[in-house]
Amino acid sequence: MATNFNLCVFSGLAIAVVMVEMIAGGYVAQANNSEDANEKLGTVRTLPSLQTRARPPLQPSTLHLGMLEAQFFEYAKDNNWAAIATIRRDEFTVHQLQPGGEGLYALPDRQLVYVRGFTANIYFEGDRLVGIRLTPDNRDRPLTASELLTLVRAWFPDDVLSVIYQVAPSDPRKSVVETLIGTIPKAFERDLGKVSLPFCRTIVFPSPVPVNTLSTCNLNI
């Protein structure tokens, strides 16, 4: 009885193997015929490559005057800015933040500048960005006047901006003591000019105009 059962099992397996080979052979023949037909028509279909195209590093999102407060905080969150304090006066708000050190490229020469060396007071009227005040951060080397203007171009690539800043006349490196990009609301005007130095002013235009490092100085703001 057991012998008959084993014979039945082996017979069934043999039949299954033969059927699988016949089916597989049919598919192979069909594929070959299809390839031959495609070659005759001049179109040979192949599987797409599994290797994806390499992408260059992405430029972080940039800023513009008038952007919504929520949009600015998306930028700050994406670039690891740290919140320090927030002050509200009437319809005006200032957020004091520590930048995250992201690298930005200023057009047209793609000059690299890092967002560090200062703390930033970000001024809003209602919920719209109107200006940024920068003061040196003792944990980092401060920006020079040239680096500052390059940063402004990289931060605000599409805006025409008024930039005022202070430098110590005796500093050969021309390190920036204080900066205002855009405007400061009247409710916070007393924040500006804590150090008794004259201000310099320059206008930064969008690319392809070169960043203008020639500033009008000795201004009393």
Protein backbone atom coordinates (compact mmCIF):
# COMPACT_ATOMS: atom_id res chain seq x y z
CA MET A 1 0.00 0.00 0.00
CA ALA A 2 2.77 2.43 0.94
CA THR A 3 4.63 1.51 -2.29
CA ASN A 4 1.60 2.37 -4.43
CA PHE A 5 1.23 5.69 -2.58
CA ASN A 6 4.89 6.64 -3.20
CA LEU A 7 4.55 5.76 -6.88
CA CYS A 8 1.53 8.03 -7.16
CA VAL A 9 3.40 10.89 -5.48
CA PHE A 10 6.46 10.49 -7.76
CA SER A 11 4.23 10.29 -10.84
CA GLY A 12 2.41 13.45 -9.83
CA LEU A 13 5.69 15.32 -9.27
CA ALA A 14 7.05 14.20 -12.65
CA ILE A 15 3.92 15.41 -14.43
CA ALA A 16 4.10 18.78 -12.60
CA VAL A 17 7.76 19.27 -13.60
CA VAL A 18 6.98 18.54 -17.24
CA MET A 19 4.08 20.99 -17.24
CA VAL A 20 6.19 23.77 -15.63
CA GLU A 21 8.94 23.25 -18.25
CA MET A 22 6.38 23.42 -21.06
CA ILE A 23 4.85 26.64 -19.69
CA ALA A 24 8.25 28.25 -19.10
CA GLY A 25 9.38 27.27 -22.57
CA GLY A 26 6.26 28.85 -24.02
CA TYR A 27 6.93 32.15 -22.22
CA VAL A 28 10.56 32.18 -23.34
CA ALA A 29 9.56 31.56 -26.93
CA GLN A 30 6.93 34.30 -26.71
CA ALA A 31 9.48 36.75 -25.26
CA ASN A 32 12.00 35.88 -27.97
CA ASN A 33 9.39 36.39 -30.68
CA SER A 34 8.45 39.73 -29.12
CA GLU A 35 12.09 40.86 -29.00
CA ASP A 36 12.57 39.80 -32.61
CA ALA A 37 9.51 41.80 -33.63
CA ASN A 38 10.70 44.85 -31.69
CA GLU A 39 14.15 44.62 -33.26
CA LYS A 40 12.56 44.49 -36.72
CA LEU A 41 10.53 47.60 -35.89
CA GLY A 42 13.64 49.36 -34.56
CA THR A 43 12.44 49.62 -30.95
CA VAL A 44 13.98 47.31 -28.38
CA ARG A 45 12.30 47.60 -25.00
CA THR A 46 14.52 47.25 -21.94
CA LEU A 47 13.95 47.67 -18.22
CA PRO A 48 14.76 51.14 -16.85
CA SER A 49 18.00 51.52 -14.92
CA LEU A 50 17.65 51.16 -11.17
CA GLN A 51 20.38 53.76 -10.64
CA THR A 52 18.93 57.23 -9.99
CA ARG A 53 20.51 60.42 -11.28
CA ALA A 54 22.66 62.19 -8.70
CA ARG A 55 21.22 65.51 -7.52
CA PRO A 56 23.33 68.55 -6.58
CA PRO A 57 23.02 69.96 -3.05
CA LEU A 58 19.86 72.02 -2.75
CA GLN A 59 20.06 75.72 -1.92
CA PRO A 60 18.05 76.41 1.26
CA SER A 61 14.91 78.48 0.78
CA THR A 62 15.56 82.22 0.80
CA LEU A 63 13.89 85.27 2.36
CA HIS A 64 12.02 88.30 1.06
CA LEU A 65 10.61 91.42 2.66
CA GLY A 66 6.88 91.11 3.22
CA MET A 67 6.99 87.35 3.71
CA LEU A 68 4.56 85.93 6.24
CA GLU A 69 5.72 85.17 9.77
CA ALA A 70 4.79 81.51 9.25
CA GLN A 71 6.96 81.37 6.11
CA PHE A 72 9.94 82.83 7.95
CA PHE A 73 9.61 80.29 10.74
CA GLU A 74 9.53 77.48 8.19
CA TYR A 75 12.92 78.73 6.98
CA ALA A 76 14.19 79.04 10.56
CA LYS A 77 13.01 75.54 11.46
CA ASP A 78 14.51 73.98 8.34
CA ASN A 79 17.88 75.57 9.12
CA ASN A 80 18.02 74.88 12.88
CA TRP A 81 17.63 78.43 14.15
CA ALA A 82 17.15 78.68 17.93
CA ALA A 83 14.57 80.99 19.52
CA ILE A 84 15.82 83.32 22.27
CA ALA A 85 13.01 85.80 22.99
CA THR A 86 9.89 87.42 21.55
CA ILE A 87 8.61 90.96 22.26
CA ARG A 88 5.29 92.36 21.03
CA ARG A 89 4.39 96.07 20.97
CA ASP A 90 1.03 96.99 19.46
CA GLU A 91 0.92 95.47 15.96
CA PHE A 92 4.71 95.01 15.86
CA THR A 93 6.69 91.93 16.88
CA VAL A 94 10.40 91.18 17.19
CA HIS A 95 11.76 87.65 17.46
CA GLN A 96 15.35 87.29 18.66
CA LEU A 97 16.94 84.17 17.19
CA GLN A 98 20.27 82.39 16.94
CA PRO A 99 20.97 81.37 13.30
CA GLY A 100 21.76 77.77 12.47
CA GLY A 101 24.92 78.30 10.39
CA GLU A 102 23.52 77.25 7.01
CA GLY A 103 25.61 77.92 3.90
CA LEU A 104 24.11 80.12 1.17
CA TYR A 105 25.34 81.02 -2.31
CA ALA A 106 25.17 84.61 -3.51
CA LEU A 107 24.60 85.13 -7.23
CA PRO A 108 25.94 85.84 -9.79
CA ASP A 109 29.26 84.23 -8.73
CA ARG A 110 27.74 81.70 -6.28
CA GLN A 111 29.96 83.02 -3.50
CA LEU A 112 29.49 80.93 -0.36
CA VAL A 113 28.63 82.65 2.92
CA TYR A 114 27.61 81.08 6.24
CA VAL A 115 24.74 82.40 8.37
CA ARG A 116 26.62 82.75 11.62
CA GLY A 117 28.62 85.25 13.67
CA PHE A 118 25.61 87.19 14.96
CA THR A 119 22.23 87.04 16.63
CA ALA A 120 19.25 88.28 14.66
CA ASN A 121 16.26 90.40 15.65
CA ILE A 122 13.51 89.71 13.11
CA TYR A 123 10.93 92.52 12.89
CA PHE A 124 7.33 92.04 11.76
CA GLU A 125 4.54 94.53 11.19
CA GLY A 126 1.33 92.59 11.59
CA ASP A 127 2.57 89.23 10.30
CA ARG A 128 4.84 90.59 7.53
CA LEU A 129 8.64 90.74 7.66
CA VAL A 130 9.92 94.33 7.48
CA GLY A 131 13.53 94.15 8.68
CA ILE A 132 16.37 92.25 10.35
CA ARG A 133 18.84 93.66 12.87
CA LEU A 134 22.12 91.80 13.39
CA THR A 135 24.47 92.10 16.35
CA PRO A 136 27.72 90.14 16.85
CA ASP A 137 27.61 86.84 18.70
CA ASN A 138 30.63 86.40 20.97
CA ARG A 139 30.71 82.67 20.19
CA ASP A 140 31.61 83.26 16.53
CA ARG A 141 33.86 85.51 14.53
CA PRO A 142 31.84 88.55 13.39
CA LEU A 143 31.10 89.24 9.75
CA THR A 144 33.13 91.72 7.76
CA ALA A 145 31.37 94.40 5.72
CA SER A 146 32.01 92.44 2.52
CA GLU A 147 30.67 89.19 4.04
CA LEU A 148 27.61 91.03 5.34
CA LEU A 149 26.63 92.38 1.93
CA THR A 150 27.22 88.97 0.35
CA LEU A 151 24.93 87.44 2.99
CA VAL A 152 22.24 90.03 2.25
CA ARG A 153 22.36 89.13 -1.46
CA ALA A 154 22.18 85.39 -0.64
CA TRP A 155 19.36 85.83 1.87
CA PHE A 156 17.27 88.17 -0.27
CA PRO A 157 18.13 87.31 -3.90
CA ASP A 158 15.10 89.09 -5.41
CA ASP A 159 14.82 92.28 -3.30
CA VAL A 160 16.33 95.75 -3.58
CA LEU A 161 17.48 96.41 -0.02
CA SER A 162 18.77 99.28 2.05
CA VAL A 163 21.46 98.08 4.45
CA ILE A 164 22.97 100.21 7.20
CA TYR A 165 25.81 98.99 9.38
CA GLN A 166 28.51 100.12 11.79
CA VAL A 167 32.21 99.33 11.71
CA ALA A 168 34.92 100.58 14.02
CA PRO A 169 37.20 102.93 12.02
CA SER A 170 40.30 101.50 13.71
CA ASP A 171 39.43 97.87 12.90
CA PRO A 172 41.59 96.73 9.94
CA ARG A 173 39.30 93.73 9.37
CA LYS A 174 36.21 95.98 9.16
CA SER A 175 34.16 93.75 11.43
CA VAL A 176 30.50 94.73 11.57
CA VAL A 177 29.24 95.99 14.94
CA GLU A 178 25.55 96.35 14.11
CA THR A 179 23.38 95.96 11.00
CA LEU A 180 19.86 96.81 9.90
CA ILE A 181 18.50 95.18 6.74
CA GLY A 182 15.26 96.78 5.57
CA THR A 183 13.47 98.90 8.18
CA ILE A 184 12.91 98.88 11.91
CA PRO A 185 9.42 99.61 13.30
CA LYS A 186 9.07 102.82 15.31
CA ALA A 187 8.12 100.76 18.35
CA PHE A 188 11.67 99.31 18.36
CA GLU A 189 13.75 102.25 17.09
CA ARG A 190 15.51 102.54 20.45
CA ASP A 191 17.12 99.15 19.79
CA LEU A 192 19.21 100.67 17.00
CA GLY A 193 22.56 102.39 17.47
CA LYS A 194 23.50 101.13 20.94
CA VAL A 195 27.17 101.75 20.09
CA SER A 196 28.11 105.38 19.37
CA LEU A 197 29.60 104.81 15.92
CA PRO A 198 28.49 106.33 12.61
CA PHE A 199 26.56 104.14 10.21
CA CYS A 200 27.39 103.24 6.63
CA ARG A 201 24.65 102.70 4.06
CA THR A 202 24.56 100.74 0.83
CA ILE A 203 21.88 99.47 -1.54
CA VAL A 204 21.97 95.81 -2.53
CA PHE A 205 20.34 95.01 -5.88
CA PRO A 206 19.36 91.58 -7.19
CA SER A 207 21.68 89.62 -9.49
CA PRO A 208 23.19 90.08 -12.06
CA VAL A 209 24.18 93.45 -10.58
CA PRO A 210 27.41 92.84 -8.58
CA VAL A 211 27.22 93.26 -4.80
CA ASN A 212 28.20 96.87 -4.15
CA THR A 213 30.78 97.06 -1.37
CA LEU A 214 31.16 100.85 -1.77
CA SER A 215 29.09 102.41 0.99
CA THR A 216 28.26 105.94 2.08
CA CYS A 217 29.53 106.26 5.65
CA ASN A 218 29.56 108.74 8.52
CA LEU A 219 25.75 108.74 8.63
CA ASN A 220 23.92 109.69 11.80
CA ILE A 221 20.79 107.55 12.03
